[in-house]
Amino acid sequence: LTASKSQKIIELDGSNDKDSENLSEVRNVKDTNRPFILKDIKRLEDLTNKSPNPNLAFNLVNILYAYAYACRIFNGDIYENPEESIRVISSLSPILSINESLMYESVSQALAISNSIILQ
């Protein structure tokens, strides 16, 4: 597999010299589409009077899994077809698509929900 301008995801398993070449090439590419990172982001505790649920991190795992899956589906370019990308992400992450409170109890539960949706 060789890296190209249109290809965002490159499979590397380390089994051959070509993988080493691809890895070097990927490290040399500058990503100009990175968002600007704000320096004065307030802590979640400072934004609300209530303490955040400690399981909130598991919800984030579910959302990130859905995002990563969409990146794989669209070869790393989710902006090429944003409507379809949003459909995939929201369908794999029930947190984003339902209007009720949902809190996962563990990482495995957060991932299992999305996996079961994929396998349907």
N, C-alpha and C. Protein backbone atom coordinates (compact mmCIF):
# COMPACT_ATOMS: atom_id res chain seq x y z
N LEU A 1 0.85 -1.17 0.00
CA LEU A 1 0.00 0.00 0.00
C LEU A 1 0.89 1.23 0.00
N THR A 2 0.65 2.13 -0.89
CA THR A 2 1.44 3.36 -0.91
C THR A 2 0.57 4.53 -0.52
N ALA A 3 1.18 5.51 0.08
CA ALA A 3 0.44 6.69 0.50
C ALA A 3 0.19 7.58 -0.70
N SER A 4 -0.97 8.17 -0.76
CA SER A 4 -1.29 9.11 -1.82
C SER A 4 -2.00 10.29 -1.19
N LYS A 5 -2.16 11.36 -1.96
CA LYS A 5 -2.82 12.54 -1.43
C LYS A 5 -4.27 12.27 -1.07
N SER A 6 -4.94 11.40 -1.81
CA SER A 6 -6.35 11.12 -1.53
C SER A 6 -6.53 10.08 -0.44
N GLN A 7 -5.51 9.31 -0.15
CA GLN A 7 -5.61 8.25 0.84
C GLN A 7 -5.22 8.80 2.21
N LYS A 8 -6.15 8.70 3.17
CA LYS A 8 -5.90 9.22 4.51
C LYS A 8 -5.48 8.13 5.49
N ILE A 9 -5.89 6.90 5.25
CA ILE A 9 -5.60 5.80 6.16
C ILE A 9 -4.70 4.80 5.45
N ILE A 10 -3.59 4.46 6.07
CA ILE A 10 -2.65 3.51 5.50
C ILE A 10 -2.48 2.36 6.47
N GLU A 11 -2.72 1.16 6.00
CA GLU A 11 -2.57 -0.03 6.83
C GLU A 11 -1.10 -0.38 6.96
N LEU A 12 -0.61 -0.51 8.18
CA LEU A 12 0.76 -0.90 8.44
C LEU A 12 0.76 -2.06 9.42
N ASP A 13 1.36 -3.16 9.04
CA ASP A 13 1.44 -4.27 9.98
C ASP A 13 2.89 -4.61 10.32
N GLY A 14 3.83 -3.86 9.75
CA GLY A 14 5.24 -4.05 10.07
C GLY A 14 5.87 -5.29 9.49
N SER A 15 5.16 -5.96 8.58
CA SER A 15 5.68 -7.23 8.09
C SER A 15 6.66 -7.09 6.93
N ASN A 16 6.79 -5.89 6.36
CA ASN A 16 7.72 -5.76 5.24
C ASN A 16 8.36 -4.37 5.22
N ASP A 17 9.35 -4.20 4.35
CA ASP A 17 10.07 -2.94 4.25
C ASP A 17 9.18 -1.82 3.72
N LYS A 18 8.18 -2.17 2.91
CA LYS A 18 7.28 -1.17 2.35
C LYS A 18 6.52 -0.45 3.47
N ASP A 19 6.16 -1.19 4.53
CA ASP A 19 5.49 -0.58 5.67
C ASP A 19 6.37 0.48 6.32
N SER A 20 7.66 0.20 6.44
CA SER A 20 8.60 1.16 7.02
C SER A 20 8.68 2.42 6.17
N GLU A 21 8.70 2.25 4.84
CA GLU A 21 8.71 3.39 3.93
C GLU A 21 7.44 4.21 4.10
N ASN A 22 6.29 3.54 4.14
CA ASN A 22 5.01 4.23 4.29
C ASN A 22 4.95 4.98 5.61
N LEU A 23 5.43 4.37 6.68
CA LEU A 23 5.41 5.01 7.99
C LEU A 23 6.27 6.27 7.97
N SER A 24 7.43 6.21 7.35
CA SER A 24 8.29 7.39 7.24
C SER A 24 7.60 8.48 6.44
N GLU A 25 6.94 8.09 5.36
CA GLU A 25 6.24 9.05 4.52
C GLU A 25 5.10 9.71 5.27
N VAL A 26 4.35 8.92 6.05
CA VAL A 26 3.24 9.46 6.82
C VAL A 26 3.74 10.45 7.86
N ARG A 27 4.85 10.15 8.51
CA ARG A 27 5.39 11.05 9.53
C ARG A 27 5.86 12.36 8.93
N ASN A 28 6.24 12.37 7.66
CA ASN A 28 6.73 13.58 7.02
C ASN A 28 5.62 14.47 6.48
N VAL A 29 4.41 13.96 6.40
CA VAL A 29 3.29 14.74 5.86
C VAL A 29 2.79 15.69 6.94
N LYS A 30 2.67 16.96 6.61
CA LYS A 30 2.14 17.92 7.57
C LYS A 30 0.64 18.02 7.36
N ASP A 31 -0.10 17.93 8.45
CA ASP A 31 -1.56 18.01 8.38
C ASP A 31 -1.98 19.46 8.53
N THR A 32 -2.37 20.08 7.41
CA THR A 32 -2.76 21.49 7.44
C THR A 32 -4.22 21.68 7.83
N ASN A 33 -4.96 20.58 7.96
CA ASN A 33 -6.38 20.69 8.28
C ASN A 33 -6.66 20.54 9.77
N ARG A 34 -5.66 20.56 10.60
CA ARG A 34 -5.88 20.44 12.03
C ARG A 34 -6.60 21.67 12.55
N PRO A 35 -7.56 21.47 13.45
CA PRO A 35 -8.24 22.63 14.02
C PRO A 35 -7.32 23.36 15.00
N PHE A 36 -7.56 24.63 15.16
CA PHE A 36 -6.82 25.43 16.11
C PHE A 36 -7.24 25.02 17.52
N ILE A 37 -6.28 24.81 18.41
CA ILE A 37 -6.58 24.39 19.79
C ILE A 37 -6.58 25.63 20.68
N LEU A 38 -7.71 25.85 21.34
CA LEU A 38 -7.84 26.99 22.25
C LEU A 38 -6.96 26.79 23.47
N LYS A 39 -6.40 27.87 23.97
CA LYS A 39 -5.52 27.78 25.14
C LYS A 39 -6.28 27.96 26.45
N ASP A 40 -7.43 28.59 26.41
CA ASP A 40 -8.16 28.90 27.65
C ASP A 40 -9.45 28.09 27.79
N ILE A 41 -9.36 26.80 27.61
CA ILE A 41 -10.53 25.93 27.75
C ILE A 41 -10.80 25.73 29.23
N LYS A 42 -12.05 26.02 29.62
CA LYS A 42 -12.42 25.87 31.02
C LYS A 42 -12.64 24.41 31.36
N ARG A 43 -12.35 24.07 32.61
CA ARG A 43 -12.59 22.72 33.10
C ARG A 43 -14.09 22.49 33.20
N LEU A 44 -14.53 21.26 32.99
CA LEU A 44 -15.94 20.92 33.05
C LEU A 44 -16.54 21.28 34.41
N GLU A 45 -15.79 21.09 35.47
CA GLU A 45 -16.26 21.42 36.82
C GLU A 45 -16.55 22.91 36.97
N ASP A 46 -15.86 23.76 36.19
CA ASP A 46 -16.07 25.20 36.26
C ASP A 46 -17.28 25.65 35.45
N LEU A 47 -17.79 24.81 34.59
CA LEU A 47 -18.91 25.18 33.73
C LEU A 47 -20.27 24.83 34.31
N THR A 48 -20.30 24.01 35.35
CA THR A 48 -21.57 23.57 35.92
C THR A 48 -21.45 23.47 37.43
N ASN A 49 -22.59 23.59 38.11
CA ASN A 49 -22.60 23.48 39.57
C ASN A 49 -22.57 22.02 40.02
N LYS A 50 -23.01 21.12 39.16
CA LYS A 50 -23.04 19.70 39.50
C LYS A 50 -21.73 19.04 39.09
N SER A 51 -21.34 18.05 39.84
CA SER A 51 -20.16 17.27 39.45
C SER A 51 -20.52 16.39 38.25
N PRO A 52 -19.63 16.31 37.28
CA PRO A 52 -19.93 15.44 36.13
C PRO A 52 -19.93 13.98 36.55
N ASN A 53 -20.77 13.21 35.91
CA ASN A 53 -20.84 11.78 36.18
C ASN A 53 -19.49 11.16 35.80
N PRO A 54 -18.91 10.36 36.68
CA PRO A 54 -17.61 9.75 36.35
C PRO A 54 -17.67 8.82 35.13
N ASN A 55 -18.87 8.36 34.78
CA ASN A 55 -19.02 7.48 33.61
C ASN A 55 -19.09 8.26 32.30
N LEU A 56 -19.02 9.57 32.37
CA LEU A 56 -19.07 10.40 31.17
C LEU A 56 -17.96 10.02 30.19
N ALA A 57 -16.83 9.61 30.69
CA ALA A 57 -15.71 9.20 29.83
C ALA A 57 -16.10 8.02 28.94
N PHE A 58 -16.97 7.14 29.43
CA PHE A 58 -17.39 5.99 28.63
C PHE A 58 -18.27 6.44 27.46
N ASN A 59 -19.06 7.50 27.67
CA ASN A 59 -19.85 8.05 26.57
C ASN A 59 -18.93 8.62 25.50
N LEU A 60 -17.86 9.25 25.94
CA LEU A 60 -16.90 9.80 24.98
C LEU A 60 -16.24 8.68 24.18
N VAL A 61 -15.96 7.56 24.82
CA VAL A 61 -15.39 6.40 24.11
C VAL A 61 -16.34 5.96 23.00
N ASN A 62 -17.64 5.93 23.30
CA ASN A 62 -18.64 5.53 22.31
C ASN A 62 -18.65 6.49 21.12
N ILE A 63 -18.60 7.77 21.39
CA ILE A 63 -18.61 8.78 20.32
C ILE A 63 -17.33 8.68 19.49
N LEU A 64 -16.19 8.53 20.14
CA LEU A 64 -14.92 8.41 19.41
C LEU A 64 -14.86 7.14 18.57
N TYR A 65 -15.44 6.07 19.07
CA TYR A 65 -15.50 4.82 18.30
C TYR A 65 -16.32 5.05 17.02
N ALA A 66 -17.46 5.71 17.16
CA ALA A 66 -18.30 5.99 15.99
C ALA A 66 -17.56 6.88 14.99
N TYR A 67 -16.84 7.87 15.49
CA TYR A 67 -16.06 8.76 14.64
C TYR A 67 -14.96 7.99 13.91
N ALA A 68 -14.23 7.15 14.65
CA ALA A 68 -13.16 6.36 14.04
C ALA A 68 -13.71 5.41 12.99
N TYR A 69 -14.86 4.82 13.25
CA TYR A 69 -15.49 3.91 12.29
C TYR A 69 -15.84 4.68 11.01
N ALA A 70 -16.40 5.88 11.16
CA ALA A 70 -16.74 6.70 9.99
C ALA A 70 -15.48 7.06 9.21
N CYS A 71 -14.40 7.37 9.91
CA CYS A 71 -13.14 7.66 9.22
C CYS A 71 -12.67 6.46 8.40
N ARG A 72 -12.83 5.27 8.94
CA ARG A 72 -12.45 4.05 8.21
C ARG A 72 -13.34 3.86 6.98
N ILE A 73 -14.63 4.07 7.14
CA ILE A 73 -15.59 3.89 6.04
C ILE A 73 -15.26 4.84 4.89
N PHE A 74 -14.94 6.10 5.22
CA PHE A 74 -14.72 7.12 4.21
C PHE A 74 -13.23 7.37 3.95
N ASN A 75 -12.40 6.38 4.28
CA ASN A 75 -10.96 6.44 4.03
C ASN A 75 -10.33 7.71 4.61
N GLY A 76 -10.79 8.11 5.79
CA GLY A 76 -10.21 9.25 6.48
C GLY A 76 -10.76 10.60 6.08
N ASP A 77 -11.60 10.65 5.06
CA ASP A 77 -12.11 11.94 4.58
C ASP A 77 -13.61 12.04 4.84
N ILE A 78 -13.98 12.34 6.08
CA ILE A 78 -15.40 12.42 6.42
C ILE A 78 -16.06 13.68 5.87
N TYR A 79 -15.26 14.64 5.41
CA TYR A 79 -15.81 15.89 4.88
C TYR A 79 -16.20 15.78 3.41
N GLU A 80 -15.80 14.71 2.76
CA GLU A 80 -16.16 14.53 1.35
C GLU A 80 -17.67 14.34 1.20
N ASN A 81 -18.27 13.63 2.12
CA ASN A 81 -19.71 13.40 2.12
C ASN A 81 -20.22 13.60 3.55
N PRO A 82 -20.33 14.87 4.00
CA PRO A 82 -20.64 15.13 5.41
C PRO A 82 -21.99 14.59 5.87
N GLU A 83 -22.99 14.61 4.99
CA GLU A 83 -24.31 14.11 5.39
C GLU A 83 -24.25 12.62 5.72
N GLU A 84 -23.57 11.86 4.89
CA GLU A 84 -23.45 10.42 5.12
C GLU A 84 -22.56 10.15 6.34
N SER A 85 -21.52 10.95 6.51
CA SER A 85 -20.65 10.79 7.68
C SER A 85 -21.43 11.00 8.98
N ILE A 86 -22.24 12.05 9.01
CA ILE A 86 -23.06 12.32 10.20
C ILE A 86 -24.06 11.20 10.42
N ARG A 87 -24.63 10.67 9.35
CA ARG A 87 -25.58 9.57 9.49
C ARG A 87 -24.91 8.35 10.12
N VAL A 88 -23.70 8.03 9.66
CA VAL A 88 -22.97 6.88 10.20
C VAL A 88 -22.64 7.11 11.68
N ILE A 89 -22.10 8.28 12.00
CA ILE A 89 -21.70 8.56 13.38
C ILE A 89 -22.90 8.56 14.31
N SER A 90 -23.98 9.22 13.92
CA SER A 90 -25.15 9.27 14.81
C SER A 90 -25.85 7.93 14.93
N SER A 91 -25.78 7.10 13.90
CA SER A 91 -26.41 5.78 14.01
C SER A 91 -25.59 4.84 14.89
N LEU A 92 -24.27 5.02 14.92
CA LEU A 92 -23.42 4.15 15.74
C LEU A 92 -23.28 4.63 17.18
N SER A 93 -23.64 5.87 17.43
CA SER A 93 -23.55 6.40 18.79
C SER A 93 -24.93 6.86 19.24
N PRO A 94 -25.67 5.99 19.92
CA PRO A 94 -27.01 6.35 20.37
C PRO A 94 -27.04 7.61 21.23
N ILE A 95 -25.95 7.93 21.88
CA ILE A 95 -25.87 9.14 22.70
C ILE A 95 -26.18 10.37 21.86
N LEU A 96 -25.76 10.36 20.61
CA LEU A 96 -25.94 11.51 19.73
C LEU A 96 -27.31 11.53 19.05
N SER A 97 -28.03 10.42 19.10
CA SER A 97 -29.26 10.35 18.31
C SER A 97 -30.53 10.16 19.13
N ILE A 98 -30.44 10.06 20.45
CA ILE A 98 -31.66 9.94 21.25
C ILE A 98 -31.78 11.13 22.18
N ASN A 99 -33.00 11.41 22.61
CA ASN A 99 -33.25 12.57 23.45
C ASN A 99 -33.41 12.22 24.92
N GLU A 100 -32.85 11.13 25.35
CA GLU A 100 -32.94 10.77 26.75
C GLU A 100 -31.54 10.57 27.32
N SER A 101 -31.46 10.61 28.62
CA SER A 101 -30.18 10.44 29.29
C SER A 101 -29.68 9.01 29.12
N LEU A 102 -28.45 8.88 28.70
CA LEU A 102 -27.85 7.57 28.49
C LEU A 102 -26.43 7.62 29.04
N MET A 103 -26.10 6.67 29.88
CA MET A 103 -24.77 6.63 30.48
C MET A 103 -24.26 5.20 30.48
N TYR A 104 -23.11 4.99 29.85
CA TYR A 104 -22.52 3.66 29.82
C TYR A 104 -21.78 3.40 31.13
N GLU A 105 -21.70 2.14 31.51
CA GLU A 105 -21.08 1.74 32.77
C GLU A 105 -19.62 1.33 32.61
N SER A 106 -19.20 1.04 31.37
CA SER A 106 -17.83 0.58 31.14
C SER A 106 -17.44 0.82 29.68
N VAL A 107 -16.16 0.70 29.41
CA VAL A 107 -15.67 0.83 28.03
C VAL A 107 -16.25 -0.29 27.18
N SER A 108 -16.26 -1.50 27.72
CA SER A 108 -16.76 -2.63 26.93
C SER A 108 -18.23 -2.46 26.58
N GLN A 109 -19.02 -1.90 27.47
CA GLN A 109 -20.43 -1.65 27.17
C GLN A 109 -20.57 -0.57 26.09
N ALA A 110 -19.77 0.49 26.19
CA ALA A 110 -19.83 1.57 25.21
C ALA A 110 -19.46 1.08 23.82
N LEU A 111 -18.50 0.17 23.73
CA LEU A 111 -18.10 -0.38 22.43
C LEU A 111 -19.06 -1.45 21.94
N ALA A 112 -19.61 -2.24 22.85
CA ALA A 112 -20.52 -3.32 22.47
C ALA A 112 -21.78 -2.78 21.81
N ILE A 113 -22.28 -1.65 22.27
CA ILE A 113 -23.48 -1.05 21.68
C ILE A 113 -23.22 -0.74 20.20
N SER A 114 -22.12 -0.07 19.91
CA SER A 114 -21.80 0.27 18.52
C SER A 114 -21.53 -0.97 17.69
N ASN A 115 -20.83 -1.94 18.26
CA ASN A 115 -20.56 -3.19 17.53
C ASN A 115 -21.85 -3.91 17.18
N SER A 116 -22.81 -3.94 18.09
CA SER A 116 -24.07 -4.62 17.79
C SER A 116 -24.84 -3.90 16.69
N ILE A 117 -24.73 -2.58 16.63
CA ILE A 117 -25.39 -1.82 15.56
C ILE A 117 -24.72 -2.13 14.22
N ILE A 118 -23.40 -2.21 14.21
CA ILE A 118 -22.66 -2.52 12.97
C ILE A 118 -23.05 -3.89 12.45
N LEU A 119 -23.22 -4.86 13.34
CA LEU A 119 -23.50 -6.23 12.93
C LEU A 119 -24.96 -6.47 12.54
N GLN A 120 -25.82 -5.50 12.74
CA GLN A 120 -27.24 -5.67 12.37
C GLN A 120 -27.44 -5.62 10.88
